[in-house]
Amino acid sequence: EKNHSHLLRGALRTLAVEARAKSM
């Protein structure tokens, strides 16, 4: 779609939360 959708922001949030929780 050549843009960063709301779906992507949510996926990155999930990734970041998990990374922090796992001390990454």
PDB file of all heavy atoms in Angstrom:
ATOM      1  N   GLU A   1       0.814  -1.222   0.000  1.00  0.00           N
ATOM      2  CA  GLU A   1       0.000   0.000   0.000  1.00  0.00           C
ATOM      3  C   GLU A   1       0.845   1.268   0.000  1.00  0.00           C
ATOM      4  O   GLU A   1       0.312   2.363  -0.075  1.00  0.00           O
ATOM      5  CB  GLU A   1      -0.938   0.000   1.202  1.00  0.00           C
ATOM      6  CG  GLU A   1      -1.980  -1.083   1.130  1.00  0.00           C
ATOM      7  CD  GLU A   1      -2.920  -1.070   2.315  1.00  0.00           C
ATOM      8  OE1 GLU A   1      -2.724  -0.281   3.259  1.00  0.00           O
ATOM      9  OE2 GLU A   1      -3.870  -1.863   2.291  1.00  0.00           O
ATOM     10  N   LYS A   2       2.163   1.109   0.150  1.00  0.00           N
ATOM     11  CA  LYS A   2       3.113   2.224   0.173  1.00  0.00           C
ATOM     12  C   LYS A   2       2.851   3.210   1.307  1.00  0.00           C
ATOM     13  O   LYS A   2       3.025   4.420   1.165  1.00  0.00           O
ATOM     14  CB  LYS A   2       3.145   2.941  -1.166  1.00  0.00           C
ATOM     15  CG  LYS A   2       3.671   2.053  -2.282  1.00  0.00           C
ATOM     16  CD  LYS A   2       3.863   2.829  -3.533  1.00  0.00           C
ATOM     17  CE  LYS A   2       4.377   2.068  -4.717  1.00  0.00           C
ATOM     18  NZ  LYS A   2       4.588   0.709  -4.739  1.00  0.00           N
ATOM     19  N   ASN A   3       2.409   2.681   2.440  1.00  0.00           N
ATOM     20  CA  ASN A   3       2.281   3.504   3.644  1.00  0.00           C
ATOM     21  C   ASN A   3       2.281   2.583   4.854  1.00  0.00           C
ATOM     22  O   ASN A   3       2.126   1.374   4.736  1.00  0.00           O
ATOM     23  CB  ASN A   3       1.029   4.383   3.611  1.00  0.00           C
ATOM     24  CG  ASN A   3      -0.245   3.583   3.735  1.00  0.00           C
ATOM     25  OD1 ASN A   3      -0.361   2.664   4.535  1.00  0.00           O
ATOM     26  ND2 ASN A   3      -1.230   3.931   2.935  1.00  0.00           N
ATOM     27  N   HIS A   4       2.474   3.175   6.008  1.00  0.00           N
ATOM     28  CA  HIS A   4       2.470   2.390   7.245  1.00  0.00           C
ATOM     29  C   HIS A   4       1.078   2.473   7.857  1.00  0.00           C
ATOM     30  O   HIS A   4       0.663   3.515   8.336  1.00  0.00           O
ATOM     31  CB  HIS A   4       3.530   2.898   8.217  1.00  0.00           C
ATOM     32  CG  HIS A   4       4.923   2.632   7.741  1.00  0.00           C
ATOM     33  ND1 HIS A   4       5.408   1.361   7.576  1.00  0.00           N
ATOM     34  CD2 HIS A   4       5.912   3.459   7.379  1.00  0.00           C
ATOM     35  CE1 HIS A   4       6.652   1.421   7.145  1.00  0.00           C
ATOM     36  NE2 HIS A   4       6.981   2.679   7.011  1.00  0.00           N
ATOM     37  N   SER A   5       0.402   1.371   7.811  1.00  0.00           N
ATOM     38  CA  SER A   5      -0.975   1.324   8.267  1.00  0.00           C
ATOM     39  C   SER A   5      -1.062   1.255   9.789  1.00  0.00           C
ATOM     40  O   SER A   5      -0.089   1.012  10.489  1.00  0.00           O
ATOM     41  CB  SER A   5      -1.668   0.101   7.662  1.00  0.00           C
ATOM     42  OG  SER A   5      -1.081  -1.075   8.191  1.00  0.00           O
ATOM     43  N   HIS A   6      -2.279   1.444  10.269  1.00  0.00           N
ATOM     44  CA  HIS A   6      -2.579   1.303  11.694  1.00  0.00           C
ATOM     45  C   HIS A   6      -2.242  -0.135  12.148  1.00  0.00           C
ATOM     46  O   HIS A   6      -1.786  -0.351  13.253  1.00  0.00           O
ATOM     47  CB  HIS A   6      -4.052   1.631  11.934  1.00  0.00           C
ATOM     48  CG  HIS A   6      -4.467   1.551  13.346  1.00  0.00           C
ATOM     49  ND1 HIS A   6      -3.936   2.360  14.333  1.00  0.00           N
ATOM     50  CD2 HIS A   6      -5.359   0.748  13.964  1.00  0.00           C
ATOM     51  CE1 HIS A   6      -4.490   2.062  15.487  1.00  0.00           C
ATOM     52  NE2 HIS A   6      -5.350   1.086  15.290  1.00  0.00           N
ATOM     53  N   LEU A   7      -2.465  -1.090  11.273  1.00  0.00           N
ATOM     54  CA  LEU A   7      -2.157  -2.487  11.557  1.00  0.00           C
ATOM     55  C   LEU A   7      -0.670  -2.664  11.866  1.00  0.00           C
ATOM     56  O   LEU A   7      -0.292  -3.383  12.790  1.00  0.00           O
ATOM     57  CB  LEU A   7      -2.561  -3.349  10.358  1.00  0.00           C
ATOM     58  CG  LEU A   7      -2.252  -4.840  10.400  1.00  0.00           C
ATOM     59  CD1 LEU A   7      -3.108  -5.521  11.468  1.00  0.00           C
ATOM     60  CD2 LEU A   7      -2.525  -5.465   9.044  1.00  0.00           C
ATOM     61  N   LEU A   8       0.174  -1.978  11.113  1.00  0.00           N
ATOM     62  CA  LEU A   8       1.615  -2.075  11.331  1.00  0.00           C
ATOM     63  C   LEU A   8       2.007  -1.483  12.683  1.00  0.00           C
ATOM     64  O   LEU A   8       2.810  -2.056  13.407  1.00  0.00           O
ATOM     65  CB  LEU A   8       2.381  -1.388  10.202  1.00  0.00           C
ATOM     66  CG  LEU A   8       3.900  -1.435  10.318  1.00  0.00           C
ATOM     67  CD1 LEU A   8       4.418  -2.863  10.403  1.00  0.00           C
ATOM     68  CD2 LEU A   8       4.532  -0.717   9.139  1.00  0.00           C
ATOM     69  N   ARG A   9       1.435  -0.352  13.043  1.00  0.00           N
ATOM     70  CA  ARG A   9       1.733   0.268  14.340  1.00  0.00           C
ATOM     71  C   ARG A   9       1.379  -0.712  15.468  1.00  0.00           C
ATOM     72  O   ARG A   9       2.144  -0.873  16.407  1.00  0.00           O
ATOM     73  CB  ARG A   9       0.967   1.581  14.479  1.00  0.00           C
ATOM     74  CG  ARG A   9       1.092   2.269  15.812  1.00  0.00           C
ATOM     75  CD  ARG A   9       2.453   2.807  16.107  1.00  0.00           C
ATOM     76  NE  ARG A   9       2.713   4.035  15.403  1.00  0.00           N
ATOM     77  CZ  ARG A   9       3.746   4.812  15.680  1.00  0.00           C
ATOM     78  NH1 ARG A   9       4.586   4.512  16.636  1.00  0.00           N
ATOM     79  NH2 ARG A   9       3.955   5.890  14.984  1.00  0.00           N
ATOM     80  N   GLY A  10       0.259  -1.379  15.357  1.00  0.00           N
ATOM     81  CA  GLY A  10      -0.139  -2.359  16.377  1.00  0.00           C
ATOM     82  C   GLY A  10       0.818  -3.537  16.444  1.00  0.00           C
ATOM     83  O   GLY A  10       1.162  -4.014  17.530  1.00  0.00           O
ATOM     84  N   ALA A  11       1.261  -4.010  15.285  1.00  0.00           N
ATOM     85  CA  ALA A  11       2.206  -5.132  15.245  1.00  0.00           C
ATOM     86  C   ALA A  11       3.546  -4.730  15.860  1.00  0.00           C
ATOM     87  O   ALA A  11       4.160  -5.508  16.607  1.00  0.00           O
ATOM     88  CB  ALA A  11       2.400  -5.612  13.810  1.00  0.00           C
ATOM     89  N   LEU A  12       3.990  -3.510  15.579  1.00  0.00           N
ATOM     90  CA  LEU A  12       5.246  -3.033  16.168  1.00  0.00           C
ATOM     91  C   LEU A  12       5.114  -2.854  17.677  1.00  0.00           C
ATOM     92  O   LEU A  12       6.056  -3.109  18.421  1.00  0.00           O
ATOM     93  CB  LEU A  12       5.680  -1.725  15.510  1.00  0.00           C
ATOM     94  CG  LEU A  12       6.151  -1.849  14.069  1.00  0.00           C
ATOM     95  CD1 LEU A  12       6.474  -0.473  13.509  1.00  0.00           C
ATOM     96  CD2 LEU A  12       7.347  -2.776  13.956  1.00  0.00           C
ATOM     97  N   ARG A  13       3.945  -2.422  18.125  1.00  0.00           N
ATOM     98  CA  ARG A  13       3.709  -2.281  19.565  1.00  0.00           C
ATOM     99  C   ARG A  13       3.799  -3.657  20.231  1.00  0.00           C
ATOM    100  O   ARG A  13       4.459  -3.802  21.261  1.00  0.00           O
ATOM    101  CB  ARG A  13       2.348  -1.650  19.817  1.00  0.00           C
ATOM    102  CG  ARG A  13       2.062  -1.393  21.287  1.00  0.00           C
ATOM    103  CD  ARG A  13       0.780  -0.605  21.489  1.00  0.00           C
ATOM    104  NE  ARG A  13       0.881   0.683  20.819  1.00  0.00           N
ATOM    105  CZ  ARG A  13       0.082   1.082  19.824  1.00  0.00           C
ATOM    106  NH1 ARG A  13      -0.889   0.316  19.395  1.00  0.00           N
ATOM    107  NH2 ARG A  13       0.242   2.265  19.268  1.00  0.00           N
ATOM    108  N   THR A  14       3.162  -4.653  19.642  1.00  0.00           N
ATOM    109  CA  THR A  14       3.224  -6.012  20.174  1.00  0.00           C
ATOM    110  C   THR A  14       4.667  -6.501  20.235  1.00  0.00           C
ATOM    111  O   THR A  14       5.113  -7.064  21.238  1.00  0.00           O
ATOM    112  CB  THR A  14       2.385  -6.973  19.306  1.00  0.00           C
ATOM    113  OG1 THR A  14       1.028  -6.522  19.305  1.00  0.00           O
ATOM    114  CG2 THR A  14       2.448  -8.393  19.807  1.00  0.00           C
ATOM    115  N   LEU A  15       5.406  -6.261  19.160  1.00  0.00           N
ATOM    116  CA  LEU A  15       6.812  -6.668  19.089  1.00  0.00           C
ATOM    117  C   LEU A  15       7.634  -5.967  20.169  1.00  0.00           C
ATOM    118  O   LEU A  15       8.421  -6.600  20.878  1.00  0.00           O
ATOM    119  CB  LEU A  15       7.369  -6.343  17.698  1.00  0.00           C
ATOM    120  CG  LEU A  15       8.842  -6.645  17.450  1.00  0.00           C
ATOM    121  CD1 LEU A  15       9.120  -8.142  17.550  1.00  0.00           C
ATOM    122  CD2 LEU A  15       9.258  -6.104  16.085  1.00  0.00           C
ATOM    123  N   ALA A  16       7.457  -4.663  20.316  1.00  0.00           N
ATOM    124  CA  ALA A  16       8.235  -3.893  21.287  1.00  0.00           C
ATOM    125  C   ALA A  16       7.918  -4.301  22.723  1.00  0.00           C
ATOM    126  O   ALA A  16       8.829  -4.445  23.549  1.00  0.00           O
ATOM    127  CB  ALA A  16       7.973  -2.400  21.097  1.00  0.00           C
ATOM    128  N   VAL A  17       6.643  -4.518  23.012  1.00  0.00           N
ATOM    129  CA  VAL A  17       6.253  -4.941  24.364  1.00  0.00           C
ATOM    130  C   VAL A  17       6.875  -6.290  24.684  1.00  0.00           C
ATOM    131  O   VAL A  17       7.421  -6.504  25.773  1.00  0.00           O
ATOM    132  CB  VAL A  17       4.711  -4.980  24.493  1.00  0.00           C
ATOM    133  CG1 VAL A  17       4.271  -5.719  25.748  1.00  0.00           C
ATOM    134  CG2 VAL A  17       4.142  -3.568  24.479  1.00  0.00           C
ATOM    135  N   GLU A  18       6.823  -7.206  23.741  1.00  0.00           N
ATOM    136  CA  GLU A  18       7.414  -8.524  23.958  1.00  0.00           C
ATOM    137  C   GLU A  18       8.932  -8.435  24.106  1.00  0.00           C
ATOM    138  O   GLU A  18       9.517  -9.098  24.964  1.00  0.00           O
ATOM    139  CB  GLU A  18       7.044  -9.469  22.811  1.00  0.00           C
ATOM    140  CG  GLU A  18       7.473 -10.894  23.053  1.00  0.00           C
ATOM    141  CD  GLU A  18       6.999 -11.853  21.991  1.00  0.00           C
ATOM    142  OE1 GLU A  18       5.972 -11.586  21.310  1.00  0.00           O
ATOM    143  OE2 GLU A  18       7.661 -12.892  21.836  1.00  0.00           O
ATOM    144  N   ALA A  19       9.551  -7.600  23.304  1.00  0.00           N
ATOM    145  CA  ALA A  19      11.011  -7.432  23.384  1.00  0.00           C
ATOM    146  C   ALA A  19      11.415  -6.894  24.757  1.00  0.00           C
ATOM    147  O   ALA A  19      12.371  -7.388  25.368  1.00  0.00           O
ATOM    148  CB  ALA A  19      11.498  -6.496  22.278  1.00  0.00           C
ATOM    149  N   ARG A  20      10.702  -5.889  25.246  1.00  0.00           N
ATOM    150  CA  ARG A  20      11.004  -5.348  26.580  1.00  0.00           C
ATOM    151  C   ARG A  20      10.784  -6.397  27.658  1.00  0.00           C
ATOM    152  O   ARG A  20      11.595  -6.547  28.565  1.00  0.00           O
ATOM    153  CB  ARG A  20      10.133  -4.125  26.874  1.00  0.00           C
ATOM    154  CG  ARG A  20      10.655  -2.852  26.292  1.00  0.00           C
ATOM    155  CD  ARG A  20       9.983  -1.620  26.881  1.00  0.00           C
ATOM    156  NE  ARG A  20       8.554  -1.762  27.129  1.00  0.00           N
ATOM    157  CZ  ARG A  20       7.580  -1.379  26.297  1.00  0.00           C
ATOM    158  NH1 ARG A  20       7.892  -0.810  25.153  1.00  0.00           N
ATOM    159  NH2 ARG A  20       6.325  -1.530  26.620  1.00  0.00           N
ATOM    160  N   ALA A  21       9.690  -7.146  27.552  1.00  0.00           N
ATOM    161  CA  ALA A  21       9.366  -8.170  28.547  1.00  0.00           C
ATOM    162  C   ALA A  21      10.426  -9.266  28.590  1.00  0.00           C
ATOM    163  O   ALA A  21      10.665  -9.872  29.640  1.00  0.00           O
ATOM    164  CB  ALA A  21       7.996  -8.778  28.256  1.00  0.00           C
ATOM    165  N   LYS A  22      11.068  -9.494  27.456  1.00  0.00           N
ATOM    166  CA  LYS A  22      12.087 -10.546  27.375  1.00  0.00           C
ATOM    167  C   LYS A  22      13.494  -9.976  27.464  1.00  0.00           C
ATOM    168  O   LYS A  22      14.463 -10.631  27.088  1.00  0.00           O
ATOM    169  CB  LYS A  22      11.889 -11.354  26.096  1.00  0.00           C
ATOM    170  CG  LYS A  22      10.568 -12.120  26.144  1.00  0.00           C
ATOM    171  CD  LYS A  22      10.356 -12.976  24.941  1.00  0.00           C
ATOM    172  CE  LYS A  22       9.075 -13.789  25.124  1.00  0.00           C
ATOM    173  NZ  LYS A  22       8.800 -14.628  23.981  1.00  0.00           N
ATOM    174  N   SER A  23      13.604  -8.732  27.950  1.00  0.00           N
ATOM    175  CA  SER A  23      14.887  -8.058  28.174  1.00  0.00           C
ATOM    176  C   SER A  23      15.756  -7.992  26.923  1.00  0.00           C
ATOM    177  O   SER A  23      16.980  -8.094  26.993  1.00  0.00           O
ATOM    178  CB  SER A  23      15.650  -8.728  29.312  1.00  0.00           C
ATOM    179  OG  SER A  23      14.898  -8.690  30.496  1.00  0.00           O
ATOM    180  N   MET A  24      15.136  -7.787  25.817  1.00  0.00           N
ATOM    181  CA  MET A  24      15.856  -7.638  24.560  1.00  0.00           C
ATOM    182  C   MET A  24      16.332  -6.190  24.449  1.00  0.00           C
ATOM    183  O   MET A  24      15.563  -5.261  24.699  1.00  0.00           O
ATOM    184  CB  MET A  24      14.902  -7.977  23.408  1.00  0.00           C
ATOM    185  CG  MET A  24      15.536  -8.458  22.174  1.00  0.00           C
ATOM    186  SD  MET A  24      14.226  -9.042  21.041  1.00  0.00           S
ATOM    187  CE  MET A  24      15.216  -9.245  19.600  1.00  0.00           C
TER     188      MET A  24
END
